[in-house]
Amino acid sequence: MSQTAEPQNIIDLVNYQEGSVVSRTLIKKKTGTVTLFAFDQDQALSEHTAPFDAMVYILDGKAEIIISGNSNILEKGNMIIMPANEPHALKAREQFKMMLTMIRS
């Protein structure tokens, strides 16, 4: 995506795809990234860690985000910080879209 100074509807920048997780990187810099995701119902990302803090903001739907074994249910408008080096996993309780902002410094 080219960076423009034009307003855009963020929820329309990534679309659901049956049986899939779709991602679209909006900003990719040495200091961090902003990526949109669309998860179809029951799709998931298995437990993993990242060396950087990350913020998840739910744009649509409902997600379960597990951080260090603690389950969190997030809906449209909710956000959560996933701390660096803490194991985390995501699962779509229903279709959901999220914006992931990762800070690398």
C-alpha atoms as a PDB file:
ATOM      1  CA  MET A   1       0.000   0.000   0.000  1.00  0.00           C
ATOM      2  CA  SER A   2       1.400   3.372  -0.904  1.00  0.00           C
ATOM      3  CA  GLN A   3       1.402   5.848   1.918  1.00  0.00           C
ATOM      4  CA  THR A   4      -0.850   8.761   1.149  1.00  0.00           C
ATOM      5  CA  ALA A   5      -2.323  11.639   3.040  1.00  0.00           C
ATOM      6  CA  GLU A   6      -5.784  10.492   1.992  1.00  0.00           C
ATOM      7  CA  PRO A   7      -8.312   9.374   4.626  1.00  0.00           C
ATOM      8  CA  GLN A   8      -9.271   5.716   4.406  1.00  0.00           C
ATOM      9  CA  ASN A   9     -11.700   3.424   6.214  1.00  0.00           C
ATOM     10  CA  ILE A  10      -9.327   1.095   8.066  1.00  0.00           C
ATOM     11  CA  ILE A  11     -11.828  -1.751   8.364  1.00  0.00           C
ATOM     12  CA  ASP A  12     -12.094  -1.963   4.560  1.00  0.00           C
ATOM     13  CA  LEU A  13      -8.333  -2.317   4.006  1.00  0.00           C
ATOM     14  CA  VAL A  14      -8.335  -6.066   4.774  1.00  0.00           C
ATOM     15  CA  ASN A  15     -11.059  -8.583   3.914  1.00  0.00           C
ATOM     16  CA  TYR A  16     -12.208 -11.867   5.413  1.00  0.00           C
ATOM     17  CA  GLN A  17     -11.353 -15.006   3.464  1.00  0.00           C
ATOM     18  CA  GLU A  18     -13.049 -18.324   4.241  1.00  0.00           C
ATOM     19  CA  GLY A  19     -10.855 -20.620   6.339  1.00  0.00           C
ATOM     20  CA  SER A  20      -7.955 -18.161   6.424  1.00  0.00           C
ATOM     21  CA  VAL A  21      -6.055 -15.464   8.235  1.00  0.00           C
ATOM     22  CA  VAL A  22      -5.370 -12.508   5.943  1.00  0.00           C
ATOM     23  CA  SER A  23      -2.811  -9.797   6.719  1.00  0.00           C
ATOM     24  CA  ARG A  24      -1.856  -6.472   5.186  1.00  0.00           C
ATOM     25  CA  THR A  25       1.131  -4.428   6.321  1.00  0.00           C
ATOM     26  CA  LEU A  26       0.423  -0.703   6.353  1.00  0.00           C
ATOM     27  CA  ILE A  27       3.729   0.542   7.788  1.00  0.00           C
ATOM     28  CA  LYS A  28       7.033  -1.325   7.970  1.00  0.00           C
ATOM     29  CA  LYS A  29       9.994   0.514   9.494  1.00  0.00           C
ATOM     30  CA  LYS A  30      13.089  -0.484  11.473  1.00  0.00           C
ATOM     31  CA  THR A  31      11.390   0.907  14.585  1.00  0.00           C
ATOM     32  CA  GLY A  32       8.078  -0.897  14.171  1.00  0.00           C
ATOM     33  CA  THR A  33       5.191  -2.119  12.056  1.00  0.00           C
ATOM     34  CA  VAL A  34       1.461  -1.623  11.718  1.00  0.00           C
ATOM     35  CA  THR A  35      -0.360  -4.620  10.262  1.00  0.00           C
ATOM     36  CA  LEU A  36      -4.049  -5.352   9.735  1.00  0.00           C
ATOM     37  CA  PHE A  37      -5.402  -8.895  10.091  1.00  0.00           C
ATOM     38  CA  ALA A  38      -8.734 -10.523   9.224  1.00  0.00           C
ATOM     39  CA  PHE A  39      -9.389 -13.910  10.880  1.00  0.00           C
ATOM     40  CA  ASP A  40     -12.194 -16.172   9.726  1.00  0.00           C
ATOM     41  CA  GLN A  41     -14.123 -17.866  12.565  1.00  0.00           C
ATOM     42  CA  ASP A  42     -12.106 -20.559  14.393  1.00  0.00           C
ATOM     43  CA  GLN A  43      -8.836 -19.514  12.744  1.00  0.00           C
ATOM     44  CA  ALA A  44      -5.913 -19.058  15.122  1.00  0.00           C
ATOM     45  CA  LEU A  45      -2.268 -18.219  15.597  1.00  0.00           C
ATOM     46  CA  SER A  46      -0.568 -20.779  17.813  1.00  0.00           C
ATOM     47  CA  GLU A  47       1.350 -19.789  20.906  1.00  0.00           C
ATOM     48  CA  HIS A  48       4.569 -17.917  20.175  1.00  0.00           C
ATOM     49  CA  THR A  49       6.705 -15.104  21.566  1.00  0.00           C
ATOM     50  CA  ALA A  50       8.019 -11.883  20.073  1.00  0.00           C
ATOM     51  CA  PRO A  51      11.025  -9.882  21.257  1.00  0.00           C
ATOM     52  CA  PHE A  52       9.037  -6.621  21.167  1.00  0.00           C
ATOM     53  CA  ASP A  53       5.924  -5.162  22.784  1.00  0.00           C
ATOM     54  CA  ALA A  54       2.844  -5.256  20.579  1.00  0.00           C
ATOM     55  CA  MET A  55      -0.582  -3.646  20.830  1.00  0.00           C
ATOM     56  CA  VAL A  56      -3.677  -5.338  19.410  1.00  0.00           C
ATOM     57  CA  TYR A  57      -6.747  -3.216  18.658  1.00  0.00           C
ATOM     58  CA  ILE A  58      -9.936  -5.057  17.639  1.00  0.00           C
ATOM     59  CA  LEU A  59     -11.650  -3.376  14.685  1.00  0.00           C
ATOM     60  CA  ASP A  60     -14.506  -5.875  14.220  1.00  0.00           C
ATOM     61  CA  GLY A  61     -15.789  -9.119  15.736  1.00  0.00           C
ATOM     62  CA  LYS A  62     -14.583 -11.097  18.765  1.00  0.00           C
ATOM     63  CA  ALA A  63     -11.199 -12.646  19.572  1.00  0.00           C
ATOM     64  CA  GLU A  64      -9.623 -14.674  22.343  1.00  0.00           C
ATOM     65  CA  ILE A  65      -6.074 -13.565  23.120  1.00  0.00           C
ATOM     66  CA  ILE A  66      -4.120 -15.714  25.550  1.00  0.00           C
ATOM     67  CA  ILE A  67      -1.061 -14.110  27.155  1.00  0.00           C
ATOM     68  CA  SER A  68       1.116 -16.217  29.475  1.00  0.00           C
ATOM     69  CA  GLY A  69      -1.786 -18.637  29.958  1.00  0.00           C
ATOM     70  CA  ASN A  70      -4.388 -15.940  30.776  1.00  0.00           C
ATOM     71  CA  SER A  71      -7.371 -15.849  28.416  1.00  0.00           C
ATOM     72  CA  ASN A  72      -8.773 -12.459  27.378  1.00  0.00           C
ATOM     73  CA  ILE A  73     -11.917 -11.971  25.282  1.00  0.00           C
ATOM     74  CA  LEU A  74     -11.785  -8.803  23.199  1.00  0.00           C
ATOM     75  CA  GLU A  75     -14.512  -7.255  21.054  1.00  0.00           C
ATOM     76  CA  LYS A  76     -14.693  -4.329  18.652  1.00  0.00           C
ATOM     77  CA  GLY A  77     -13.119  -1.264  20.247  1.00  0.00           C
ATOM     78  CA  ASN A  78     -11.031  -3.220  22.796  1.00  0.00           C
ATOM     79  CA  MET A  79      -7.241  -3.278  22.890  1.00  0.00           C
ATOM     80  CA  ILE A  80      -4.553  -5.186  24.763  1.00  0.00           C
ATOM     81  CA  ILE A  81      -0.772  -4.990  25.082  1.00  0.00           C
ATOM     82  CA  MET A  82       1.170  -8.197  24.473  1.00  0.00           C
ATOM     83  CA  PRO A  83       4.437  -7.719  26.387  1.00  0.00           C
ATOM     84  CA  ALA A  84       7.769  -8.635  24.809  1.00  0.00           C
ATOM     85  CA  ASN A  85       8.946 -12.211  25.403  1.00  0.00           C
ATOM     86  CA  GLU A  86       5.603 -13.344  26.903  1.00  0.00           C
ATOM     87  CA  PRO A  87       3.977 -16.325  25.155  1.00  0.00           C
ATOM     88  CA  HIS A  88       0.728 -15.419  23.412  1.00  0.00           C
ATOM     89  CA  ALA A  89      -1.827 -16.970  21.057  1.00  0.00           C
ATOM     90  CA  LEU A  90      -4.912 -15.699  19.224  1.00  0.00           C
ATOM     91  CA  LYS A  91      -8.172 -17.413  18.247  1.00  0.00           C
ATOM     92  CA  ALA A  92     -11.200 -16.110  16.385  1.00  0.00           C
ATOM     93  CA  ARG A  93     -14.311 -16.684  18.538  1.00  0.00           C
ATOM     94  CA  GLU A  94     -16.105 -15.251  15.500  1.00  0.00           C
ATOM     95  CA  GLN A  95     -14.731 -13.458  12.468  1.00  0.00           C
ATOM     96  CA  PHE A  96     -12.586 -10.570  13.639  1.00  0.00           C
ATOM     97  CA  LYS A  97     -10.289  -7.875  12.312  1.00  0.00           C
ATOM     98  CA  MET A  98      -7.440  -6.359  14.257  1.00  0.00           C
ATOM     99  CA  MET A  99      -4.667  -3.839  13.931  1.00  0.00           C
ATOM    100  CA  LEU A 100      -1.321  -4.992  15.329  1.00  0.00           C
ATOM    101  CA  THR A 101       1.200  -2.306  16.190  1.00  0.00           C
ATOM    102  CA  MET A 102       4.656  -3.626  17.071  1.00  0.00           C
ATOM    103  CA  ILE A 103       7.290  -1.290  18.505  1.00  0.00           C
ATOM    104  CA  ARG A 104      10.867  -2.465  17.977  1.00  0.00           C
ATOM    105  CA  SER A 105      12.774   0.119  19.970  1.00  0.00           C
END
